C-alpha cells in the first residue's frame, strides 16, 4: 500500500472537518449522541455548498465512480436504484 500524497492528506483532513462540523451542528440542535445524522433528506446539518464539497471529497479520497448506472468503489460495484439522484449526473473521482 502506498503513502498518500500531500494533496490527498489535505483532502482527507477537509473531509473530516466537514464531517465533524455536521456532527457538531447535529448535536447542538439536540440530536441523539448515540445516533448519527444522515444525508437522507438533507438531515446532515451541512449547507448545500458544504454537502457538495463533502460528497466530492469523499469520491476523490475513497475512489468512488458512478458509470452506466453502477457505483464502482474499491474493486466492487453495485447497481443504483432507478430513482437515484446519482444517475442524473454520473460522477468520477
N, C-alpha and C. Protein backbone atom coordinates (compact mmCIF):
# COMPACT_ATOMS: atom_id res chain seq x y z
N UNK A 1 0.85 -1.18 0.00
CA UNK A 1 0.00 0.00 0.00
C UNK A 1 0.89 1.24 0.00
N UNK A 2 0.53 2.22 -0.78
CA UNK A 2 1.35 3.42 -0.91
C UNK A 2 0.97 4.49 0.12
N UNK A 3 1.88 5.39 0.33
CA UNK A 3 1.62 6.52 1.23
C UNK A 3 0.79 7.57 0.48
N UNK A 4 -0.18 8.20 1.16
CA UNK A 4 -0.96 9.24 0.49
C UNK A 4 -0.11 10.47 0.19
N UNK A 5 -0.45 11.15 -0.89
CA UNK A 5 0.26 12.38 -1.25
C UNK A 5 -0.19 13.50 -0.31
N UNK A 6 0.51 14.62 -0.38
CA UNK A 6 0.15 15.77 0.46
C UNK A 6 -1.25 16.27 0.12
N UNK A 7 -1.59 16.29 -1.17
CA UNK A 7 -2.93 16.71 -1.58
C UNK A 7 -3.99 15.77 -1.01
N UNK A 8 -3.75 14.47 -1.09
CA UNK A 8 -4.71 13.50 -0.54
C UNK A 8 -4.87 13.67 0.96
N UNK A 9 -3.78 13.97 1.66
CA UNK A 9 -3.86 14.22 3.10
C UNK A 9 -4.71 15.46 3.39
N UNK A 10 -4.52 16.52 2.60
CA UNK A 10 -5.30 17.74 2.77
C UNK A 10 -6.77 17.49 2.48
N UNK A 11 -7.06 16.74 1.43
CA UNK A 11 -8.45 16.43 1.08
C UNK A 11 -9.11 15.62 2.19
N UNK A 12 -8.41 14.64 2.72
CA UNK A 12 -8.97 13.82 3.79
C UNK A 12 -9.18 14.65 5.05
N UNK A 13 -8.25 15.55 5.34
CA UNK A 13 -8.38 16.42 6.50
C UNK A 13 -9.61 17.31 6.38
N UNK A 14 -9.82 17.87 5.19
CA UNK A 14 -11.00 18.72 4.96
C UNK A 14 -12.28 17.88 5.05
N UNK A 15 -12.24 16.66 4.52
CA UNK A 15 -13.38 15.74 4.59
C UNK A 15 -13.77 15.51 6.06
N UNK A 16 -12.76 15.25 6.91
CA UNK A 16 -13.02 15.02 8.34
C UNK A 16 -13.56 16.29 9.01
N UNK A 17 -13.04 17.47 8.62
CA UNK A 17 -13.54 18.73 9.18
C UNK A 17 -15.02 18.91 8.89
N UNK A 18 -15.41 18.65 7.64
CA UNK A 18 -16.83 18.79 7.27
C UNK A 18 -17.69 17.79 8.02
N UNK A 19 -17.21 16.56 8.17
CA UNK A 19 -17.95 15.55 8.91
C UNK A 19 -18.15 16.00 10.36
N UNK A 20 -17.08 16.48 10.99
CA UNK A 20 -17.15 16.92 12.37
C UNK A 20 -18.04 18.15 12.53
N UNK A 21 -18.03 19.04 11.55
CA UNK A 21 -18.88 20.22 11.58
C UNK A 21 -20.35 19.82 11.55
N UNK A 22 -20.70 18.90 10.65
CA UNK A 22 -22.07 18.40 10.58
C UNK A 22 -22.48 17.72 11.88
N UNK A 23 -21.59 16.94 12.45
CA UNK A 23 -21.86 16.24 13.72
C UNK A 23 -22.09 17.24 14.85
N UNK A 24 -21.25 18.27 14.92
CA UNK A 24 -21.40 19.28 15.97
C UNK A 24 -22.74 20.00 15.84
N UNK A 25 -23.11 20.38 14.62
CA UNK A 25 -24.39 21.06 14.41
C UNK A 25 -25.56 20.15 14.78
N UNK A 26 -25.44 18.88 14.45
CA UNK A 26 -26.48 17.90 14.79
C UNK A 26 -26.65 17.83 16.30
N UNK A 27 -25.56 17.72 17.03
CA UNK A 27 -25.64 17.63 18.48
C UNK A 27 -26.11 18.94 19.10
N UNK A 28 -25.66 20.08 18.56
CA UNK A 28 -26.10 21.38 19.05
C UNK A 28 -27.60 21.59 18.85
N UNK A 29 -28.15 20.94 17.82
CA UNK A 29 -29.59 21.06 17.54
C UNK A 29 -30.41 20.08 18.38
N UNK A 30 -29.74 19.37 19.30
CA UNK A 30 -30.46 18.44 20.17
C UNK A 30 -30.49 17.02 19.66
N UNK A 31 -29.63 16.68 18.73
CA UNK A 31 -29.60 15.33 18.18
C UNK A 31 -29.13 14.31 19.20
N UNK A 32 -29.54 13.07 19.00
CA UNK A 32 -29.18 11.97 19.89
C UNK A 32 -27.70 11.63 19.70
N UNK A 33 -26.89 11.75 20.76
CA UNK A 33 -25.45 11.47 20.61
C UNK A 33 -25.14 10.01 20.29
N UNK A 34 -26.09 9.11 20.48
CA UNK A 34 -25.87 7.69 20.16
C UNK A 34 -26.25 7.36 18.72
N UNK A 35 -26.79 8.31 18.02
CA UNK A 35 -27.22 8.12 16.64
C UNK A 35 -26.46 9.10 15.76
N UNK A 36 -26.20 8.72 14.54
CA UNK A 36 -25.53 9.66 13.64
C UNK A 36 -26.56 10.29 12.72
N UNK A 37 -26.29 11.53 12.37
CA UNK A 37 -27.14 12.20 11.38
C UNK A 37 -26.86 11.57 10.03
N UNK A 38 -27.80 11.67 9.13
CA UNK A 38 -27.59 11.07 7.80
C UNK A 38 -27.75 12.14 6.74
N UNK A 39 -27.36 11.81 5.53
CA UNK A 39 -27.54 12.73 4.41
C UNK A 39 -28.90 12.54 3.76
N UNK A 40 -29.68 11.59 4.26
CA UNK A 40 -31.01 11.35 3.71
C UNK A 40 -31.89 12.55 4.04
N UNK A 41 -32.57 13.06 3.05
CA UNK A 41 -33.43 14.23 3.19
C UNK A 41 -32.68 15.42 3.78
N UNK A 42 -31.39 15.53 3.45
CA UNK A 42 -30.55 16.65 3.91
C UNK A 42 -30.53 16.78 5.42
N UNK A 43 -30.55 15.67 6.12
CA UNK A 43 -30.54 15.64 7.58
C UNK A 43 -29.11 15.53 8.11
N UNK A 44 -28.16 16.18 7.43
CA UNK A 44 -26.77 16.08 7.85
C UNK A 44 -26.25 17.39 8.44
N UNK A 45 -27.09 18.41 8.50
CA UNK A 45 -26.76 19.70 9.11
C UNK A 45 -25.60 20.41 8.43
N UNK A 46 -25.45 20.19 7.14
CA UNK A 46 -24.47 20.93 6.35
C UNK A 46 -25.22 21.82 5.37
N UNK A 47 -24.61 22.93 4.98
CA UNK A 47 -25.21 23.76 3.94
C UNK A 47 -25.09 23.00 2.62
N UNK A 48 -25.79 23.44 1.62
CA UNK A 48 -25.74 22.76 0.32
C UNK A 48 -24.32 22.79 -0.25
N UNK A 49 -23.62 23.90 -0.09
CA UNK A 49 -22.24 24.01 -0.59
C UNK A 49 -21.33 23.04 0.17
N UNK A 50 -21.48 22.99 1.50
CA UNK A 50 -20.67 22.07 2.31
C UNK A 50 -20.96 20.62 1.95
N UNK A 51 -22.23 20.32 1.71
CA UNK A 51 -22.64 18.96 1.36
C UNK A 51 -22.01 18.54 0.04
N UNK A 52 -22.05 19.43 -0.96
CA UNK A 52 -21.46 19.11 -2.26
C UNK A 52 -19.95 18.91 -2.13
N UNK A 53 -19.29 19.78 -1.35
CA UNK A 53 -17.85 19.63 -1.14
C UNK A 53 -17.56 18.31 -0.43
N UNK A 54 -18.36 17.98 0.58
CA UNK A 54 -18.18 16.75 1.35
C UNK A 54 -18.28 15.52 0.43
N UNK A 55 -19.32 15.48 -0.39
CA UNK A 55 -19.51 14.33 -1.28
C UNK A 55 -18.42 14.27 -2.35
N UNK A 56 -18.03 15.42 -2.90
CA UNK A 56 -16.97 15.43 -3.91
C UNK A 56 -15.64 14.96 -3.32
N UNK A 57 -15.32 15.44 -2.11
CA UNK A 57 -14.10 15.00 -1.46
C UNK A 57 -14.14 13.50 -1.16
N UNK A 58 -15.29 13.03 -0.71
CA UNK A 58 -15.44 11.60 -0.43
C UNK A 58 -15.19 10.76 -1.66
N UNK A 59 -15.71 11.20 -2.80
CA UNK A 59 -15.49 10.46 -4.05
C UNK A 59 -14.02 10.45 -4.42
N UNK A 60 -13.36 11.60 -4.24
CA UNK A 60 -11.95 11.68 -4.60
C UNK A 60 -11.09 10.86 -3.65
N UNK A 61 -11.32 11.02 -2.36
CA UNK A 61 -10.49 10.35 -1.36
C UNK A 61 -10.67 8.83 -1.39
N UNK A 62 -11.91 8.38 -1.57
CA UNK A 62 -12.19 6.95 -1.49
C UNK A 62 -12.34 6.29 -2.85
N UNK A 63 -12.13 7.04 -3.94
CA UNK A 63 -12.12 6.47 -5.28
C UNK A 63 -13.46 5.92 -5.75
N UNK A 64 -14.52 6.68 -5.57
CA UNK A 64 -15.86 6.25 -5.97
C UNK A 64 -16.18 6.85 -7.34
N UNK A 65 -16.68 6.00 -8.25
CA UNK A 65 -17.15 6.48 -9.55
C UNK A 65 -18.55 5.93 -9.80
N UNK A 66 -19.32 6.67 -10.58
CA UNK A 66 -20.65 6.22 -11.00
C UNK A 66 -20.65 6.22 -12.51
N UNK A 67 -20.91 5.05 -13.09
CA UNK A 67 -20.87 4.93 -14.55
C UNK A 67 -21.87 3.87 -14.99
N UNK A 68 -22.66 4.22 -16.00
CA UNK A 68 -23.64 3.31 -16.58
C UNK A 68 -24.59 2.72 -15.53
N UNK A 69 -24.98 3.56 -14.57
CA UNK A 69 -25.95 3.12 -13.57
C UNK A 69 -25.38 2.27 -12.45
N UNK A 70 -24.05 2.17 -12.38
CA UNK A 70 -23.39 1.38 -11.34
C UNK A 70 -22.42 2.25 -10.56
N UNK A 71 -22.31 1.98 -9.27
CA UNK A 71 -21.30 2.61 -8.42
C UNK A 71 -20.11 1.67 -8.38
N UNK A 72 -18.92 2.22 -8.55
CA UNK A 72 -17.69 1.43 -8.50
C UNK A 72 -16.81 1.99 -7.39
N UNK A 73 -16.38 1.13 -6.49
CA UNK A 73 -15.54 1.56 -5.37
C UNK A 73 -14.73 0.38 -4.85
N UNK A 74 -13.43 0.56 -4.76
CA UNK A 74 -12.52 -0.43 -4.19
C UNK A 74 -12.70 -1.82 -4.78
N UNK A 75 -12.82 -1.88 -6.10
CA UNK A 75 -12.90 -3.16 -6.79
C UNK A 75 -14.27 -3.82 -6.76
N UNK A 76 -15.26 -3.17 -6.18
CA UNK A 76 -16.62 -3.72 -6.14
C UNK A 76 -17.56 -2.76 -6.85
N UNK A 77 -18.71 -3.27 -7.26
CA UNK A 77 -19.70 -2.40 -7.89
C UNK A 77 -21.09 -2.90 -7.57
N UNK A 78 -22.05 -1.98 -7.63
CA UNK A 78 -23.44 -2.34 -7.41
C UNK A 78 -24.32 -1.38 -8.20
N UNK A 79 -25.48 -1.89 -8.59
CA UNK A 79 -26.42 -1.12 -9.40
C UNK A 79 -27.17 -0.13 -8.54
N UNK A 80 -27.34 1.07 -9.07
CA UNK A 80 -28.11 2.09 -8.38
C UNK A 80 -29.59 1.89 -8.65
N UNK A 81 -30.47 2.28 -7.72
CA UNK A 81 -31.90 2.22 -8.00
C UNK A 81 -32.25 3.19 -9.13
N UNK A 82 -33.30 2.90 -9.83
CA UNK A 82 -33.69 3.71 -10.98
C UNK A 82 -33.99 5.16 -10.62
N UNK A 83 -34.40 5.42 -9.37
CA UNK A 83 -34.75 6.79 -8.97
C UNK A 83 -33.60 7.51 -8.27
N UNK A 84 -32.40 6.99 -8.34
CA UNK A 84 -31.25 7.59 -7.65
C UNK A 84 -30.87 8.93 -8.29
N UNK A 85 -30.61 9.92 -7.44
CA UNK A 85 -30.18 11.22 -7.96
C UNK A 85 -28.79 11.15 -8.56
N UNK A 86 -28.01 10.13 -8.23
CA UNK A 86 -26.68 9.99 -8.81
C UNK A 86 -26.72 9.66 -10.29
N UNK A 87 -27.84 9.11 -10.75
CA UNK A 87 -27.94 8.77 -12.18
C UNK A 87 -28.09 10.01 -13.05
N UNK A 88 -28.56 11.11 -12.45
CA UNK A 88 -28.78 12.32 -13.23
C UNK A 88 -27.47 12.90 -13.75
N UNK A 89 -26.47 12.86 -12.93
CA UNK A 89 -25.15 13.33 -13.37
C UNK A 89 -24.11 12.37 -12.83
N UNK A 90 -23.68 11.47 -13.69
CA UNK A 90 -22.70 10.46 -13.29
C UNK A 90 -21.40 11.15 -12.93
N UNK A 91 -20.75 10.64 -11.90
CA UNK A 91 -19.59 11.29 -11.32
C UNK A 91 -18.38 10.39 -11.34
N UNK A 92 -17.24 10.99 -11.54
CA UNK A 92 -15.99 10.24 -11.47
C UNK A 92 -15.07 10.95 -10.52
N UNK A 93 -14.31 10.17 -9.78
CA UNK A 93 -13.36 10.76 -8.83
C UNK A 93 -12.11 11.17 -9.57
